[in-house]
Each structure stands twice: as C-alpha cells, then as structure tokens.
C-alpha atoms as a PDB file:
ATOM      1  CA  MET A   1       0.000   0.000   0.000  1.00  0.00           C
ATOM      2  CA  VAL A   2       1.210   3.499  -0.829  1.00  0.00           C
ATOM      3  CA  LYS A   3       1.593   5.455   2.421  1.00  0.00           C
ATOM      4  CA  LEU A   4       2.910   8.758   1.075  1.00  0.00           C
ATOM      5  CA  LEU A   5       2.846  10.458  -2.300  1.00  0.00           C
ATOM      6  CA  SER A   6       4.538  13.758  -3.008  1.00  0.00           C
ATOM      7  CA  THR A   7       5.888  15.677  -6.002  1.00  0.00           C
ATOM      8  CA  ILE A   8       9.107  17.703  -6.080  1.00  0.00           C
ATOM      9  CA  THR A   9       8.198  21.309  -6.910  1.00  0.00           C
ATOM     10  CA  ASP A  10      11.465  23.211  -6.404  1.00  0.00           C
ATOM     11  CA  ILE A  11      15.074  22.614  -5.466  1.00  0.00           C
ATOM     12  CA  GLY A  12      17.182  24.944  -3.347  1.00  0.00           C
ATOM     13  CA  GLU A  13      20.489  26.026  -4.827  1.00  0.00           C
ATOM     14  CA  LYS A  14      22.444  24.373  -1.976  1.00  0.00           C
ATOM     15  CA  ALA A  15      20.508  21.078  -1.950  1.00  0.00           C
ATOM     16  CA  GLU A  16      23.027  19.320  -4.192  1.00  0.00           C
ATOM     17  CA  SER A  17      25.895  19.937  -1.758  1.00  0.00           C
ATOM     18  CA  LEU A  18      23.900  18.211   1.008  1.00  0.00           C
ATOM     19  CA  PHE A  19      23.073  15.338  -1.355  1.00  0.00           C
ATOM     20  CA  ASN A  20      26.810  14.908  -1.953  1.00  0.00           C
ATOM     21  CA  GLU A  21      27.160  14.442   1.811  1.00  0.00           C
ATOM     22  CA  GLY A  22      24.486  11.727   1.817  1.00  0.00           C
ATOM     23  CA  MET A  23      21.308  13.582   2.734  1.00  0.00           C
ATOM     24  CA  VAL A  24      18.269  15.324   1.294  1.00  0.00           C
ATOM     25  CA  ILE A  25      16.221  17.776   3.335  1.00  0.00           C
ATOM     26  CA  LEU A  26      12.557  17.628   2.367  1.00  0.00           C
ATOM     27  CA  PHE A  27      10.233  20.509   3.131  1.00  0.00           C
ATOM     28  CA  CYS A  28       6.802  21.447   1.833  1.00  0.00           C
ATOM     29  CA  GLU A  29       6.600  24.494  -0.377  1.00  0.00           C
ATOM     30  CA  ASN A  30       6.160  26.789   2.617  1.00  0.00           C
ATOM     31  CA  ALA A  31       9.664  26.135   3.973  1.00  0.00           C
ATOM     32  CA  PRO A  32      11.163  28.934   6.081  1.00  0.00           C
ATOM     33  CA  LYS A  33      13.092  31.386   3.876  1.00  0.00           C
ATOM     34  CA  GLU A  34      16.399  30.676   5.612  1.00  0.00           C
ATOM     35  CA  LEU A  35      16.081  26.894   5.079  1.00  0.00           C
ATOM     36  CA  ALA A  36      14.664  26.784   1.529  1.00  0.00           C
ATOM     37  CA  PRO A  37      18.060  27.062  -0.233  1.00  0.00           C
ATOM     38  CA  TYR A  38      19.080  23.735   1.362  1.00  0.00           C
ATOM     39  CA  CYS A  39      15.830  21.899   0.700  1.00  0.00           C
ATOM     40  CA  VAL A  40      14.075  19.825  -1.898  1.00  0.00           C
ATOM     41  CA  LEU A  41      10.629  21.396  -1.806  1.00  0.00           C
ATOM     42  CA  HIS A  42       7.596  19.233  -2.460  1.00  0.00           C
ATOM     43  CA  ARG A  43       3.818  19.152  -2.542  1.00  0.00           C
ATOM     44  CA  LEU A  44       2.406  16.398  -0.350  1.00  0.00           C
ATOM     45  CA  ALA A  45      -0.571  14.750  -2.070  1.00  0.00           C
ATOM     46  CA  PHE A  46      -1.263  12.436   0.867  1.00  0.00           C
ATOM     47  CA  MET A  47       0.213  10.618   3.840  1.00  0.00           C
ATOM     48  CA  LYS A  48      -2.111   7.761   4.779  1.00  0.00           C
ATOM     49  CA  GLU A  49      -0.043   5.965   7.411  1.00  0.00           C
ATOM     50  CA  ASP A  50       3.076   6.400   9.480  1.00  0.00           C
ATOM     51  CA  ILE A  51       6.342   5.394   7.857  1.00  0.00           C
ATOM     52  CA  LYS A  52       8.363   2.655   9.524  1.00  0.00           C
ATOM     53  CA  SER A  53      11.542   0.657   9.094  1.00  0.00           C
ATOM     54  CA  GLY A  54      11.205  -1.839   6.275  1.00  0.00           C
ATOM     55  CA  ASP A  55       9.054   0.443   4.105  1.00  0.00           C
ATOM     56  CA  ILE A  56      10.273   1.388   0.639  1.00  0.00           C
ATOM     57  CA  LEU A  57      10.999   4.920  -0.586  1.00  0.00           C
ATOM     58  CA  SER A  58      11.056   5.485  -4.329  1.00  0.00           C
ATOM     59  CA  ILE A  59      12.232   8.549  -6.231  1.00  0.00           C
ATOM     60  CA  SER A  60      12.550   8.472 -10.004  1.00  0.00           C
ATOM     61  CA  GLY A  61      11.910   4.717 -10.018  1.00  0.00           C
ATOM     62  CA  ILE A  62      14.941   4.090  -7.785  1.00  0.00           C
ATOM     63  CA  TYR A  63      14.055   2.185  -4.620  1.00  0.00           C
ATOM     64  CA  PHE A  64      15.555   2.495  -1.152  1.00  0.00           C
ATOM     65  CA  LYS A  65      14.663   0.434   1.907  1.00  0.00           C
ATOM     66  CA  ILE A  66      13.907   2.558   4.961  1.00  0.00           C
ATOM     67  CA  THR A  67      16.222   1.337   7.723  1.00  0.00           C
ATOM     68  CA  ALA A  68      15.258   3.720  10.564  1.00  0.00           C
ATOM     69  CA  VAL A  69      12.668   6.413  11.297  1.00  0.00           C
ATOM     70  CA  GLY A  70      13.291   9.119  13.887  1.00  0.00           C
ATOM     71  CA  SER A  71      10.832   9.682  16.723  1.00  0.00           C
ATOM     72  CA  VAL A  72       9.342  12.887  15.216  1.00  0.00           C
ATOM     73  CA  ALA A  73       9.829  12.156  11.496  1.00  0.00           C
ATOM     74  CA  ASN A  74       6.198  11.117  10.900  1.00  0.00           C
ATOM     75  CA  LYS A  75       4.792  14.061  12.870  1.00  0.00           C
ATOM     76  CA  ASN A  76       7.045  16.517  11.025  1.00  0.00           C
ATOM     77  CA  LEU A  77       6.102  15.072   7.639  1.00  0.00           C
ATOM     78  CA  LYS A  78       2.390  15.312   8.414  1.00  0.00           C
ATOM     79  CA  GLU A  79       2.511  18.818   9.878  1.00  0.00           C
ATOM     80  CA  LEU A  80       5.354  20.503   7.944  1.00  0.00           C
ATOM     81  CA  GLY A  81       6.167  18.184   5.056  1.00  0.00           C
ATOM     82  CA  HIS A  82       9.646  18.067   6.593  1.00  0.00           C
ATOM     83  CA  SER A  83      12.158  15.307   7.114  1.00  0.00           C
ATOM     84  CA  THR A  84      15.785  14.626   6.339  1.00  0.00           C
ATOM     85  CA  LEU A  85      16.519  11.586   4.199  1.00  0.00           C
ATOM     86  CA  VAL A  86      19.891  10.108   5.134  1.00  0.00           C
ATOM     87  CA  PHE A  87      21.514   7.582   2.786  1.00  0.00           C
ATOM     88  CA  ASP A  88      23.636   5.632   5.285  1.00  0.00           C
ATOM     89  CA  LYS A  89      21.960   2.282   6.143  1.00  0.00           C
ATOM     90  CA  ASN A  90      21.773   3.159   9.875  1.00  0.00           C
ATOM     91  CA  THR A  91      19.287   0.997  11.733  1.00  0.00           C
ATOM     92  CA  SER A  92      18.653   3.595  14.434  1.00  0.00           C
ATOM     93  CA  ALA A  93      17.900   7.237  13.749  1.00  0.00           C
ATOM     94  CA  LEU A  94      20.683   9.657  14.646  1.00  0.00           C
ATOM     95  CA  LEU A  95      18.285  12.599  14.973  1.00  0.00           C
ATOM     96  CA  PRO A  96      14.530  12.601  15.698  1.00  0.00           C
ATOM     97  CA  GLY A  97      13.530  13.964  12.260  1.00  0.00           C
ATOM     98  CA  HIS A  98      15.710  11.668  10.190  1.00  0.00           C
ATOM     99  CA  ILE A  99      14.606   8.857   7.884  1.00  0.00           C
ATOM    100  CA  HIS A 100      17.562   6.572   7.164  1.00  0.00           C
ATOM    101  CA  LEU A 101      17.760   4.689   3.901  1.00  0.00           C
ATOM    102  CA  GLY A 102      19.704   1.700   2.709  1.00  0.00           C
ATOM    103  CA  THR A 103      21.906   2.464  -0.238  1.00  0.00           C
ATOM    104  CA  LEU A 104      22.459   0.571  -3.423  1.00  0.00           C
ATOM    105  CA  ASP A 105      25.811  -0.870  -4.467  1.00  0.00           C
ATOM    106  CA  PHE A 106      26.100   2.466  -6.251  1.00  0.00           C
ATOM    107  CA  MET A 107      24.516   5.771  -5.355  1.00  0.00           C
ATOM    108  CA  PRO A 108      22.596   7.407  -8.211  1.00  0.00           C
ATOM    109  CA  SER A 109      23.771  10.835  -9.232  1.00  0.00           C
ATOM    110  CA  TYR A 110      21.952  13.919  -8.016  1.00  0.00           C
ATOM    111  CA  GLU A 111      20.579  14.517 -11.525  1.00  0.00           C
ATOM    112  CA  GLU A 112      19.264  10.939 -11.748  1.00  0.00           C
ATOM    113  CA  LEU A 113      17.376  11.250  -8.475  1.00  0.00           C
ATOM    114  CA  ILE A 114      16.355  14.866  -7.841  1.00  0.00           C
ATOM    115  CA  SER A 115      14.386  16.841 -10.409  1.00  0.00           C
ATOM    116  CA  ILE A 116      11.290  19.049 -10.407  1.00  0.00           C
ATOM    117  CA  GLY A 117       8.164  17.024 -11.167  1.00  0.00           C
ATOM    118  CA  ARG A 118       9.507  13.709  -9.876  1.00  0.00           C
ATOM    119  CA  GLN A 119       7.405  11.800  -7.400  1.00  0.00           C
ATOM    120  CA  ILE A 120       8.437  10.643  -3.954  1.00  0.00           C
ATOM    121  CA  ILE A 121       6.562   7.494  -2.987  1.00  0.00           C
ATOM    122  CA  ILE A 122       6.727   5.602   0.294  1.00  0.00           C
ATOM    123  CA  SER A 123       4.999   2.248   0.495  1.00  0.00           C
ATOM    124  CA  ASP A 124       5.095  -0.961   2.460  1.00  0.00           C
ATOM    125  CA  LYS A 125       6.431  -2.794  -0.615  1.00  0.00           C
ATOM    126  CA  VAL A 126       7.820  -1.969  -4.034  1.00  0.00           C
ATOM    127  CA  GLU A 127       4.955  -0.306  -5.907  1.00  0.00           C
ATOM    128  CA  ARG A 128       4.649   0.287  -9.604  1.00  0.00           C
ATOM    129  CA  TYR A 129       2.950   3.655  -9.588  1.00  0.00           C
ATOM    130  CA  LYS A 130       2.063   5.457 -12.794  1.00  0.00           C
ATOM    131  CA  LYS A 131       1.956   9.232 -12.994  1.00  0.00           C
ATOM    132  CA  SER A 132      -1.705   9.017 -13.971  1.00  0.00           C
ATOM    133  CA  ASP A 133      -2.366   7.276 -10.633  1.00  0.00           C
ATOM    134  CA  SER A 134      -1.323  10.414  -8.745  1.00  0.00           C
ATOM    135  CA  VAL A 135      -4.942  11.467  -8.401  1.00  0.00           C
ATOM    136  CA  LEU A 136      -5.843   8.626  -6.062  1.00  0.00           C
ATOM    137  CA  LYS A 137      -8.671   9.338  -3.694  1.00  0.00           C
ATOM    138  CA  ARG A 138      -7.493  10.176  -0.180  1.00  0.00           C
END
C-alpha cells in the first residue's frame, strides 16, 4: 500500500551539496526562507499511514529500503512536510527527524534522483505507480 505520495516542486540552490554528503532535506513548499536554499521542496498529495523501518521509498523509479525512522519524522512530515533523508543504512535514527535509507551498491547521481516534477513514494512494498495514478482518492 502506498503510504505517502509527493511531487518535487522546487530545489534549493544548496541542496546538491547536502546530497553529496548523503542527505536530502525535504520541506513542503512553505519552507522557512532561511532553510529553503538547502531543501528539496515538495507538494504532499497524501500521507495515509506512518512510515516505519522496512518500508520502501522510491524517487525516479529508484528504490531504497527505509532502515530507521526518527521519533518525530512522521509528525514533522504530516505537519510541515519536513524530514531529512539520510543515505547511510543506519538501523537507528541519529536525529529525531531523520529517515535513514539503505543504499544501493552504487549511489545514483543527483541529476538521476532529484528533479522538479519527480514523485516521492513511500509504500510498504515496491509499488509500480504510474503518474496518472497520482490522483488517487485520499
């Protein structure tokens, strides 16, 4: 089941440097002005259930297993559209707002993963999700 669906709407000019250090800061389009340059901004279509370890995050058809979810990550996503994705395979969250992800044998390039219009999908299993399905009923 798809738990979260969101679409990237803008990318801060400093977001790539954070990606190169293994993280992506997500924030809804109303991110604070001082944080927006570091963020991947998105429009949350829905969040049906809390995210947990073992779920799958997909961006651009590239899948990552969620290995840890911080204690406030779900609350922050629901209320602010905010979380930090950390590509490090940690099985316990280092900070309360972090979502840790397993990495592939190779890490996709920034351009392969992050682009305006791409969907972020979190589900309890690998989902094949067509763009036309983005108007699912909430």
